[in-house]
């Protein structure tokens, strides 16, 4: 039984570490920074967003287990969403889920 628990613990730790590393890699993409720092909404959504969605689709192709990738504004509103198998982003309600609310108060480096 100890061997099984040890293996499960190792697998969970490995997946968590892998997710943290991937989040760091994704969040440091220069194009993502350009998108987020663009104040002009028309420019951001008409010029930058389509390419950003292509970039996120590429991430999903390389990492198929990331079936849903979201980018949130500082206020917690979902700004971009790439869901495997769907071709367009359609904003849902502007309700901020509790886990996103906790993210707003997180002061660490990686939240996963």
C-alpha atoms as a PDB file:
ATOM      1  CA  UNK A   1       0.000   0.000   0.000  1.00  0.00           C
ATOM      2  CA  UNK A   2       2.866   2.388   0.795  1.00  0.00           C
ATOM      3  CA  UNK A   3       4.310   1.858  -2.675  1.00  0.00           C
ATOM      4  CA  UNK A   4       1.012   2.804  -4.334  1.00  0.00           C
ATOM      5  CA  UNK A   5       0.625   5.915  -2.174  1.00  0.00           C
ATOM      6  CA  UNK A   6       4.217   6.921  -2.855  1.00  0.00           C
ATOM      7  CA  UNK A   7       3.677   6.513  -6.596  1.00  0.00           C
ATOM      8  CA  UNK A   8       0.445   8.542  -6.496  1.00  0.00           C
ATOM      9  CA  UNK A   9       2.159  11.276  -4.469  1.00  0.00           C
ATOM     10  CA  UNK A  10       5.035  11.359  -6.955  1.00  0.00           C
ATOM     11  CA  UNK A  11       2.654  11.543  -9.923  1.00  0.00           C
ATOM     12  CA  UNK A  12       0.616  14.378  -8.378  1.00  0.00           C
ATOM     13  CA  UNK A  13       3.775  16.316  -7.487  1.00  0.00           C
ATOM     14  CA  UNK A  14       5.159  15.813 -10.999  1.00  0.00           C
ATOM     15  CA  UNK A  15       1.920  17.031 -12.627  1.00  0.00           C
ATOM     16  CA  UNK A  16       1.792  20.059 -10.340  1.00  0.00           C
ATOM     17  CA  UNK A  17       5.436  20.971 -11.044  1.00  0.00           C
ATOM     18  CA  UNK A  18       4.870  20.483 -14.755  1.00  0.00           C
ATOM     19  CA  UNK A  19       1.787  22.726 -14.696  1.00  0.00           C
ATOM     20  CA  UNK A  20       3.714  25.447 -12.833  1.00  0.00           C
ATOM     21  CA  UNK A  21       6.553  25.316 -15.353  1.00  0.00           C
ATOM     22  CA  UNK A  22       4.127  25.498 -18.278  1.00  0.00           C
ATOM     23  CA  UNK A  23       2.216  28.409 -16.730  1.00  0.00           C
ATOM     24  CA  UNK A  24       5.486  30.284 -16.319  1.00  0.00           C
ATOM     25  CA  UNK A  25       6.443  29.546 -19.920  1.00  0.00           C
ATOM     26  CA  UNK A  26       3.044  30.594 -21.279  1.00  0.00           C
ATOM     27  CA  UNK A  27       2.899  33.772 -19.201  1.00  0.00           C
ATOM     28  CA  UNK A  28       6.337  34.904 -20.369  1.00  0.00           C
ATOM     29  CA  UNK A  29       5.432  34.804 -24.059  1.00  0.00           C
ATOM     30  CA  UNK A  30       6.321  38.224 -25.537  1.00  0.00           C
ATOM     31  CA  UNK A  31       3.178  38.310 -27.684  1.00  0.00           C
ATOM     32  CA  UNK A  32       0.998  37.745 -24.621  1.00  0.00           C
ATOM     33  CA  UNK A  33       2.694  40.701 -22.927  1.00  0.00           C
ATOM     34  CA  UNK A  34       2.112  42.837 -26.027  1.00  0.00           C
ATOM     35  CA  UNK A  35      -1.562  41.835 -26.058  1.00  0.00           C
ATOM     36  CA  UNK A  36      -2.138  42.509 -22.368  1.00  0.00           C
ATOM     37  CA  UNK A  37      -0.294  45.837 -22.373  1.00  0.00           C
ATOM     38  CA  UNK A  38      -2.202  47.214 -25.375  1.00  0.00           C
ATOM     39  CA  UNK A  39      -4.619  49.818 -24.009  1.00  0.00           C
ATOM     40  CA  UNK A  40      -6.390  50.430 -27.311  1.00  0.00           C
ATOM     41  CA  UNK A  41      -9.207  47.854 -27.204  1.00  0.00           C
ATOM     42  CA  UNK A  42      -9.956  48.069 -30.918  1.00  0.00           C
ATOM     43  CA  UNK A  43      -6.316  47.304 -31.736  1.00  0.00           C
ATOM     44  CA  UNK A  44      -6.113  44.590 -29.097  1.00  0.00           C
ATOM     45  CA  UNK A  45      -9.239  42.723 -30.210  1.00  0.00           C
ATOM     46  CA  UNK A  46      -9.051  43.170 -33.985  1.00  0.00           C
ATOM     47  CA  UNK A  47      -5.314  42.876 -34.563  1.00  0.00           C
ATOM     48  CA  UNK A  48      -3.737  41.088 -31.601  1.00  0.00           C
ATOM     49  CA  UNK A  49      -6.452  38.721 -30.379  1.00  0.00           C
ATOM     50  CA  UNK A  50      -6.680  36.511 -33.506  1.00  0.00           C
ATOM     51  CA  UNK A  51      -2.928  35.863 -33.415  1.00  0.00           C
ATOM     52  CA  UNK A  52      -3.057  35.273 -29.658  1.00  0.00           C
ATOM     53  CA  UNK A  53      -5.798  32.677 -30.193  1.00  0.00           C
ATOM     54  CA  UNK A  54      -3.581  30.985 -32.800  1.00  0.00           C
ATOM     55  CA  UNK A  55      -0.727  30.949 -30.281  1.00  0.00           C
ATOM     56  CA  UNK A  56      -2.971  29.398 -27.620  1.00  0.00           C
ATOM     57  CA  UNK A  57      -4.204  26.804 -30.132  1.00  0.00           C
ATOM     58  CA  UNK A  58      -0.545  25.946 -30.745  1.00  0.00           C
ATOM     59  CA  UNK A  59      -0.048  25.457 -27.004  1.00  0.00           C
ATOM     60  CA  UNK A  60      -3.062  23.154 -26.931  1.00  0.00           C
ATOM     61  CA  UNK A  61      -1.675  21.169 -29.834  1.00  0.00           C
ATOM     62  CA  UNK A  62       1.649  20.755 -28.024  1.00  0.00           C
ATOM     63  CA  UNK A  63      -0.012  20.141 -24.642  1.00  0.00           C
ATOM     64  CA  UNK A  64      -3.362  18.432 -25.421  1.00  0.00           C
ATOM     65  CA  UNK A  65      -4.244  18.011 -21.745  1.00  0.00           C
ATOM     66  CA  UNK A  66      -4.710  21.828 -21.549  1.00  0.00           C
ATOM     67  CA  UNK A  67      -8.165  21.738 -23.081  1.00  0.00           C
ATOM     68  CA  UNK A  68      -9.174  25.168 -21.795  1.00  0.00           C
ATOM     69  CA  UNK A  69      -6.840  28.176 -21.567  1.00  0.00           C
ATOM     70  CA  UNK A  70      -8.141  31.484 -20.239  1.00  0.00           C
ATOM     71  CA  UNK A  71      -6.630  34.929 -19.896  1.00  0.00           C
ATOM     72  CA  UNK A  72      -8.176  37.167 -17.270  1.00  0.00           C
ATOM     73  CA  UNK A  73      -8.097  40.910 -16.897  1.00  0.00           C
ATOM     74  CA  UNK A  74      -6.806  42.325 -13.608  1.00  0.00           C
ATOM     75  CA  UNK A  75     -10.406  42.688 -12.416  1.00  0.00           C
ATOM     76  CA  UNK A  76     -11.034  38.944 -12.923  1.00  0.00           C
ATOM     77  CA  UNK A  77     -13.087  39.246 -16.108  1.00  0.00           C
ATOM     78  CA  UNK A  78     -12.287  36.598 -18.696  1.00  0.00           C
ATOM     79  CA  UNK A  79     -10.766  38.371 -21.717  1.00  0.00           C
ATOM     80  CA  UNK A  80      -9.620  35.454 -23.870  1.00  0.00           C
ATOM     81  CA  UNK A  81     -10.582  31.821 -23.865  1.00  0.00           C
ATOM     82  CA  UNK A  82      -9.321  29.008 -26.060  1.00  0.00           C
ATOM     83  CA  UNK A  83     -11.193  25.763 -25.620  1.00  0.00           C
ATOM     84  CA  UNK A  84     -10.078  22.747 -27.622  1.00  0.00           C
ATOM     85  CA  UNK A  85     -12.519  22.039 -30.409  1.00  0.00           C
ATOM     86  CA  UNK A  86     -14.109  25.508 -30.410  1.00  0.00           C
ATOM     87  CA  UNK A  87     -13.066  28.114 -32.951  1.00  0.00           C
ATOM     88  CA  UNK A  88     -14.278  31.333 -31.407  1.00  0.00           C
ATOM     89  CA  UNK A  89     -14.344  33.097 -28.077  1.00  0.00           C
ATOM     90  CA  UNK A  90     -17.750  34.012 -26.747  1.00  0.00           C
ATOM     91  CA  UNK A  91     -17.725  35.777 -23.378  1.00  0.00           C
ATOM     92  CA  UNK A  92     -19.884  34.189 -20.750  1.00  0.00           C
ATOM     93  CA  UNK A  93     -21.491  36.055 -17.895  1.00  0.00           C
ATOM     94  CA  UNK A  94     -19.352  38.507 -16.029  1.00  0.00           C
ATOM     95  CA  UNK A  95     -19.673  36.593 -12.768  1.00  0.00           C
ATOM     96  CA  UNK A  96     -16.274  36.038 -11.182  1.00  0.00           C
ATOM     97  CA  UNK A  97     -15.940  32.455  -9.886  1.00  0.00           C
ATOM     98  CA  UNK A  98     -14.601  32.132  -6.310  1.00  0.00           C
ATOM     99  CA  UNK A  99     -11.273  30.631  -7.403  1.00  0.00           C
ATOM    100  CA  UNK A 100     -10.654  33.628  -9.690  1.00  0.00           C
ATOM    101  CA  UNK A 101     -11.563  35.947  -6.831  1.00  0.00           C
ATOM    102  CA  UNK A 102      -8.888  34.253  -4.682  1.00  0.00           C
ATOM    103  CA  UNK A 103      -6.440  34.739  -7.565  1.00  0.00           C
ATOM    104  CA  UNK A 104      -6.932  38.509  -7.345  1.00  0.00           C
ATOM    105  CA  UNK A 105      -5.504  38.446  -3.802  1.00  0.00           C
ATOM    106  CA  UNK A 106      -2.673  35.990  -4.525  1.00  0.00           C
ATOM    107  CA  UNK A 107       0.773  37.512  -4.053  1.00  0.00           C
ATOM    108  CA  UNK A 108       2.963  34.589  -5.099  1.00  0.00           C
ATOM    109  CA  UNK A 109       4.640  34.032  -8.446  1.00  0.00           C
ATOM    110  CA  UNK A 110       2.551  31.175  -9.896  1.00  0.00           C
ATOM    111  CA  UNK A 111      -1.084  30.424  -9.090  1.00  0.00           C
ATOM    112  CA  UNK A 112      -2.330  27.059 -10.272  1.00  0.00           C
END
